[in-house]
Protein backbone atom coordinates (compact mmCIF):
# COMPACT_ATOMS: atom_id res chain seq x y z
CA UNK A 1 0.00 0.00 0.00
CA UNK A 2 1.11 3.52 -0.82
CA UNK A 3 -0.20 6.56 0.98
CA UNK A 4 -0.07 10.09 -0.41
CA UNK A 5 -0.29 13.33 1.55
CA UNK A 6 -0.77 16.55 -0.37
CA UNK A 7 -0.24 20.14 0.67
CA UNK A 8 0.06 23.58 -0.82
CA UNK A 9 -3.29 24.45 -2.37
CA UNK A 10 -5.12 27.69 -1.74
CA UNK A 11 -6.43 30.92 -3.17
CA UNK A 12 -4.28 33.11 -5.39
CA UNK A 13 -4.85 35.98 -7.78
CA UNK A 14 -4.41 35.57 -11.50
CA UNK A 15 -0.75 35.80 -12.43
CA UNK A 16 0.33 34.43 -9.08
CA UNK A 17 2.10 31.23 -8.11
CA UNK A 18 1.54 28.23 -5.89
CA UNK A 19 3.56 25.13 -5.14
CA UNK A 20 1.94 21.80 -4.43
CA UNK A 21 3.70 18.99 -2.60
CA UNK A 22 2.85 15.31 -2.40
CA UNK A 23 4.70 12.98 -0.06
CA UNK A 24 4.47 9.24 -0.53
CA UNK A 25 4.92 6.58 2.09
CA UNK A 26 4.47 2.83 2.30
CA UNK A 27 5.38 0.46 -0.53
CA UNK A 28 7.31 3.06 -2.49
CA UNK A 29 9.21 0.46 -4.47
CA UNK A 30 6.00 -0.17 -6.41
CA UNK A 31 5.86 3.44 -7.59
CA UNK A 32 7.40 4.54 -10.89
CA UNK A 33 5.34 7.56 -11.82
CA UNK A 34 4.02 10.36 -9.64
CA UNK A 35 2.29 13.53 -10.58
CA UNK A 36 -0.91 15.48 -10.63
CA UNK A 37 -4.33 15.37 -12.19
CA UNK A 38 -6.95 18.06 -11.75
CA UNK A 39 -10.70 18.24 -11.95
CA UNK A 40 -12.68 21.43 -12.39
CA UNK A 41 -16.43 21.60 -11.65
CA UNK A 42 -18.41 19.90 -14.40
CA UNK A 43 -15.30 18.64 -16.18
CA UNK A 44 -13.46 15.37 -16.41
CA UNK A 45 -10.30 14.74 -14.47
CA UNK A 46 -7.29 15.57 -16.62
CA UNK A 47 -3.59 14.92 -16.37
CA UNK A 48 -1.59 18.00 -15.47
CA UNK A 49 1.96 16.70 -15.12
CA UNK A 50 3.80 13.49 -14.39
CA UNK A 51 7.33 12.47 -13.52
CA UNK A 52 8.88 9.03 -13.54
CA UNK A 53 11.46 7.76 -11.08
CA UNK A 54 14.03 8.16 -13.83
CA UNK A 55 13.18 11.82 -14.29
CA UNK A 56 11.09 11.76 -17.46
CA UNK A 57 8.31 14.34 -17.40
CA UNK A 58 5.22 15.16 -19.39
CA UNK A 59 2.77 18.01 -19.19
CA UNK A 60 -0.67 18.94 -20.41
CA UNK A 61 -0.41 21.41 -23.28
CA UNK A 62 -2.38 23.95 -21.26
CA UNK A 63 0.29 24.17 -18.55
CA UNK A 64 3.51 23.84 -20.56
CA UNK A 65 5.84 26.72 -19.86
CA UNK A 66 3.95 27.68 -16.68
CA UNK A 67 4.06 24.58 -14.48
CA UNK A 68 7.11 22.57 -13.48
CA UNK A 69 7.05 19.15 -11.87
CA UNK A 70 9.98 17.90 -9.87
CA UNK A 71 10.64 14.87 -7.77
CA UNK A 72 12.87 14.18 -4.81
CA UNK A 73 13.35 10.42 -4.79
CA UNK A 74 15.20 10.54 -1.48
CA UNK A 75 12.13 12.08 0.14
CA UNK A 76 9.59 10.24 -2.05
CA UNK A 77 8.01 13.62 -2.70
CA UNK A 78 6.81 15.26 -5.89
CA UNK A 79 6.32 18.99 -6.31
CA UNK A 80 4.31 21.04 -8.75
CA UNK A 81 5.41 24.64 -9.15
CA UNK A 82 2.59 26.59 -10.77
CA UNK A 83 3.33 30.03 -12.17
CA UNK A 84 1.29 32.54 -14.16
CA UNK A 85 -1.90 31.01 -12.85
CA UNK A 86 -5.19 31.84 -14.56
CA UNK A 87 -8.80 31.31 -13.46
CA UNK A 88 -8.88 28.34 -15.86
CA UNK A 89 -6.44 26.57 -13.54
CA UNK A 90 -9.04 26.55 -10.77
CA UNK A 91 -9.69 22.92 -9.84
CA UNK A 92 -9.13 20.24 -7.26
CA UNK A 93 -5.64 18.89 -7.83
CA UNK A 94 -5.06 15.21 -7.10
CA UNK A 95 -1.67 13.70 -6.58
CA UNK A 96 -1.24 10.22 -8.01
CA UNK A 97 1.24 7.38 -7.85
CA UNK A 98 1.47 4.34 -10.07
CA UNK A 99 3.26 2.54 -12.85
CA UNK A 100 2.65 5.40 -15.26
CA UNK A 101 0.45 8.46 -15.65
CA UNK A 102 -2.30 6.23 -17.03
CA UNK A 103 -1.84 3.24 -14.71
CA UNK A 104 -2.59 4.86 -11.37
CA UNK A 105 -2.65 2.78 -8.23
CA UNK A 106 -3.04 5.45 -5.56
CA UNK A 107 -4.74 8.83 -5.37
CA UNK A 108 -4.21 11.63 -2.92
CA UNK A 109 -7.13 13.26 -1.14
CA UNK A 110 -7.10 16.31 -3.39
CA UNK A 111 -6.26 19.92 -2.71
CA UNK A 112 -8.25 22.92 -3.91
CA UNK A 113 -6.57 25.53 -6.06
CA UNK A 114 -8.62 28.65 -6.72
CA UNK A 115 -7.40 31.44 -8.97
CA UNK A 116 -9.32 34.69 -8.80
CA UNK A 117 -9.48 37.13 -11.69
C-alpha atoms as a PDB file:
ATOM      1  CA  UNK A   1       0.000   0.000   0.000  1.00  0.00           C
ATOM      2  CA  UNK A   2       1.107   3.516  -0.823  1.00  0.00           C
ATOM      3  CA  UNK A   3      -0.204   6.563   0.983  1.00  0.00           C
ATOM      4  CA  UNK A   4      -0.065  10.090  -0.414  1.00  0.00           C
ATOM      5  CA  UNK A   5      -0.286  13.327   1.548  1.00  0.00           C
ATOM      6  CA  UNK A   6      -0.772  16.554  -0.371  1.00  0.00           C
ATOM      7  CA  UNK A   7      -0.239  20.141   0.673  1.00  0.00           C
ATOM      8  CA  UNK A   8       0.056  23.585  -0.824  1.00  0.00           C
ATOM      9  CA  UNK A   9      -3.295  24.446  -2.367  1.00  0.00           C
ATOM     10  CA  UNK A  10      -5.116  27.690  -1.738  1.00  0.00           C
ATOM     11  CA  UNK A  11      -6.430  30.923  -3.175  1.00  0.00           C
ATOM     12  CA  UNK A  12      -4.278  33.106  -5.391  1.00  0.00           C
ATOM     13  CA  UNK A  13      -4.851  35.978  -7.776  1.00  0.00           C
ATOM     14  CA  UNK A  14      -4.407  35.570 -11.497  1.00  0.00           C
ATOM     15  CA  UNK A  15      -0.754  35.802 -12.427  1.00  0.00           C
ATOM     16  CA  UNK A  16       0.326  34.431  -9.085  1.00  0.00           C
ATOM     17  CA  UNK A  17       2.098  31.230  -8.108  1.00  0.00           C
ATOM     18  CA  UNK A  18       1.542  28.226  -5.893  1.00  0.00           C
ATOM     19  CA  UNK A  19       3.556  25.129  -5.138  1.00  0.00           C
ATOM     20  CA  UNK A  20       1.937  21.799  -4.428  1.00  0.00           C
ATOM     21  CA  UNK A  21       3.704  18.987  -2.599  1.00  0.00           C
ATOM     22  CA  UNK A  22       2.854  15.310  -2.399  1.00  0.00           C
ATOM     23  CA  UNK A  23       4.698  12.984  -0.060  1.00  0.00           C
ATOM     24  CA  UNK A  24       4.475   9.240  -0.535  1.00  0.00           C
ATOM     25  CA  UNK A  25       4.919   6.581   2.093  1.00  0.00           C
ATOM     26  CA  UNK A  26       4.468   2.832   2.297  1.00  0.00           C
ATOM     27  CA  UNK A  27       5.378   0.460  -0.529  1.00  0.00           C
ATOM     28  CA  UNK A  28       7.308   3.065  -2.495  1.00  0.00           C
ATOM     29  CA  UNK A  29       9.209   0.457  -4.469  1.00  0.00           C
ATOM     30  CA  UNK A  30       6.003  -0.173  -6.408  1.00  0.00           C
ATOM     31  CA  UNK A  31       5.857   3.445  -7.594  1.00  0.00           C
ATOM     32  CA  UNK A  32       7.399   4.537 -10.889  1.00  0.00           C
ATOM     33  CA  UNK A  33       5.335   7.558 -11.817  1.00  0.00           C
ATOM     34  CA  UNK A  34       4.021  10.360  -9.643  1.00  0.00           C
ATOM     35  CA  UNK A  35       2.288  13.527 -10.582  1.00  0.00           C
ATOM     36  CA  UNK A  36      -0.915  15.485 -10.632  1.00  0.00           C
ATOM     37  CA  UNK A  37      -4.327  15.373 -12.191  1.00  0.00           C
ATOM     38  CA  UNK A  38      -6.949  18.062 -11.754  1.00  0.00           C
ATOM     39  CA  UNK A  39     -10.703  18.238 -11.953  1.00  0.00           C
ATOM     40  CA  UNK A  40     -12.682  21.426 -12.390  1.00  0.00           C
ATOM     41  CA  UNK A  41     -16.427  21.598 -11.654  1.00  0.00           C
ATOM     42  CA  UNK A  42     -18.408  19.903 -14.399  1.00  0.00           C
ATOM     43  CA  UNK A  43     -15.298  18.645 -16.176  1.00  0.00           C
ATOM     44  CA  UNK A  44     -13.456  15.369 -16.414  1.00  0.00           C
ATOM     45  CA  UNK A  45     -10.303  14.736 -14.467  1.00  0.00           C
ATOM     46  CA  UNK A  46      -7.290  15.567 -16.620  1.00  0.00           C
ATOM     47  CA  UNK A  47      -3.591  14.920 -16.366  1.00  0.00           C
ATOM     48  CA  UNK A  48      -1.592  18.001 -15.467  1.00  0.00           C
ATOM     49  CA  UNK A  49       1.958  16.704 -15.119  1.00  0.00           C
ATOM     50  CA  UNK A  50       3.797  13.492 -14.388  1.00  0.00           C
ATOM     51  CA  UNK A  51       7.329  12.471 -13.520  1.00  0.00           C
ATOM     52  CA  UNK A  52       8.881   9.029 -13.540  1.00  0.00           C
ATOM     53  CA  UNK A  53      11.463   7.756 -11.076  1.00  0.00           C
ATOM     54  CA  UNK A  54      14.033   8.159 -13.835  1.00  0.00           C
ATOM     55  CA  UNK A  55      13.176  11.818 -14.287  1.00  0.00           C
ATOM     56  CA  UNK A  56      11.088  11.763 -17.458  1.00  0.00           C
ATOM     57  CA  UNK A  57       8.311  14.340 -17.396  1.00  0.00           C
ATOM     58  CA  UNK A  58       5.216  15.156 -19.394  1.00  0.00           C
ATOM     59  CA  UNK A  59       2.769  18.012 -19.191  1.00  0.00           C
ATOM     60  CA  UNK A  60      -0.667  18.938 -20.409  1.00  0.00           C
ATOM     61  CA  UNK A  61      -0.412  21.413 -23.278  1.00  0.00           C
ATOM     62  CA  UNK A  62      -2.377  23.953 -21.258  1.00  0.00           C
ATOM     63  CA  UNK A  63       0.293  24.167 -18.552  1.00  0.00           C
ATOM     64  CA  UNK A  64       3.507  23.837 -20.557  1.00  0.00           C
ATOM     65  CA  UNK A  65       5.840  26.717 -19.858  1.00  0.00           C
ATOM     66  CA  UNK A  66       3.953  27.678 -16.681  1.00  0.00           C
ATOM     67  CA  UNK A  67       4.059  24.583 -14.476  1.00  0.00           C
ATOM     68  CA  UNK A  68       7.109  22.573 -13.476  1.00  0.00           C
ATOM     69  CA  UNK A  69       7.052  19.153 -11.872  1.00  0.00           C
ATOM     70  CA  UNK A  70       9.983  17.902  -9.870  1.00  0.00           C
ATOM     71  CA  UNK A  71      10.641  14.866  -7.770  1.00  0.00           C
ATOM     72  CA  UNK A  72      12.868  14.177  -4.814  1.00  0.00           C
ATOM     73  CA  UNK A  73      13.345  10.419  -4.791  1.00  0.00           C
ATOM     74  CA  UNK A  74      15.201  10.536  -1.481  1.00  0.00           C
ATOM     75  CA  UNK A  75      12.125  12.076   0.144  1.00  0.00           C
ATOM     76  CA  UNK A  76       9.591  10.245  -2.045  1.00  0.00           C
ATOM     77  CA  UNK A  77       8.007  13.618  -2.703  1.00  0.00           C
ATOM     78  CA  UNK A  78       6.812  15.258  -5.886  1.00  0.00           C
ATOM     79  CA  UNK A  79       6.324  18.986  -6.310  1.00  0.00           C
ATOM     80  CA  UNK A  80       4.308  21.042  -8.751  1.00  0.00           C
ATOM     81  CA  UNK A  81       5.413  24.640  -9.148  1.00  0.00           C
ATOM     82  CA  UNK A  82       2.592  26.586 -10.774  1.00  0.00           C
ATOM     83  CA  UNK A  83       3.333  30.034 -12.168  1.00  0.00           C
ATOM     84  CA  UNK A  84       1.291  32.540 -14.157  1.00  0.00           C
ATOM     85  CA  UNK A  85      -1.902  31.014 -12.851  1.00  0.00           C
ATOM     86  CA  UNK A  86      -5.189  31.839 -14.558  1.00  0.00           C
ATOM     87  CA  UNK A  87      -8.801  31.309 -13.460  1.00  0.00           C
ATOM     88  CA  UNK A  88      -8.884  28.336 -15.858  1.00  0.00           C
ATOM     89  CA  UNK A  89      -6.435  26.574 -13.541  1.00  0.00           C
ATOM     90  CA  UNK A  90      -9.035  26.548 -10.767  1.00  0.00           C
ATOM     91  CA  UNK A  91      -9.687  22.923  -9.838  1.00  0.00           C
ATOM     92  CA  UNK A  92      -9.126  20.244  -7.265  1.00  0.00           C
ATOM     93  CA  UNK A  93      -5.637  18.887  -7.828  1.00  0.00           C
ATOM     94  CA  UNK A  94      -5.059  15.205  -7.103  1.00  0.00           C
ATOM     95  CA  UNK A  95      -1.668  13.698  -6.584  1.00  0.00           C
ATOM     96  CA  UNK A  96      -1.238  10.219  -8.006  1.00  0.00           C
ATOM     97  CA  UNK A  97       1.240   7.377  -7.855  1.00  0.00           C
ATOM     98  CA  UNK A  98       1.474   4.339 -10.070  1.00  0.00           C
ATOM     99  CA  UNK A  99       3.262   2.543 -12.851  1.00  0.00           C
ATOM    100  CA  UNK A 100       2.649   5.403 -15.265  1.00  0.00           C
ATOM    101  CA  UNK A 101       0.446   8.460 -15.647  1.00  0.00           C
ATOM    102  CA  UNK A 102      -2.304   6.228 -17.034  1.00  0.00           C
ATOM    103  CA  UNK A 103      -1.842   3.240 -14.711  1.00  0.00           C
ATOM    104  CA  UNK A 104      -2.585   4.857 -11.374  1.00  0.00           C
ATOM    105  CA  UNK A 105      -2.649   2.783  -8.231  1.00  0.00           C
ATOM    106  CA  UNK A 106      -3.042   5.448  -5.564  1.00  0.00           C
ATOM    107  CA  UNK A 107      -4.739   8.828  -5.370  1.00  0.00           C
ATOM    108  CA  UNK A 108      -4.214  11.626  -2.918  1.00  0.00           C
ATOM    109  CA  UNK A 109      -7.125  13.258  -1.138  1.00  0.00           C
ATOM    110  CA  UNK A 110      -7.102  16.311  -3.392  1.00  0.00           C
ATOM    111  CA  UNK A 111      -6.262  19.917  -2.706  1.00  0.00           C
ATOM    112  CA  UNK A 112      -8.249  22.918  -3.908  1.00  0.00           C
ATOM    113  CA  UNK A 113      -6.569  25.533  -6.062  1.00  0.00           C
ATOM    114  CA  UNK A 114      -8.616  28.647  -6.717  1.00  0.00           C
ATOM    115  CA  UNK A 115      -7.399  31.443  -8.967  1.00  0.00           C
ATOM    116  CA  UNK A 116      -9.315  34.693  -8.798  1.00  0.00           C
ATOM    117  CA  UNK A 117      -9.480  37.127 -11.690  1.00  0.00           C
END
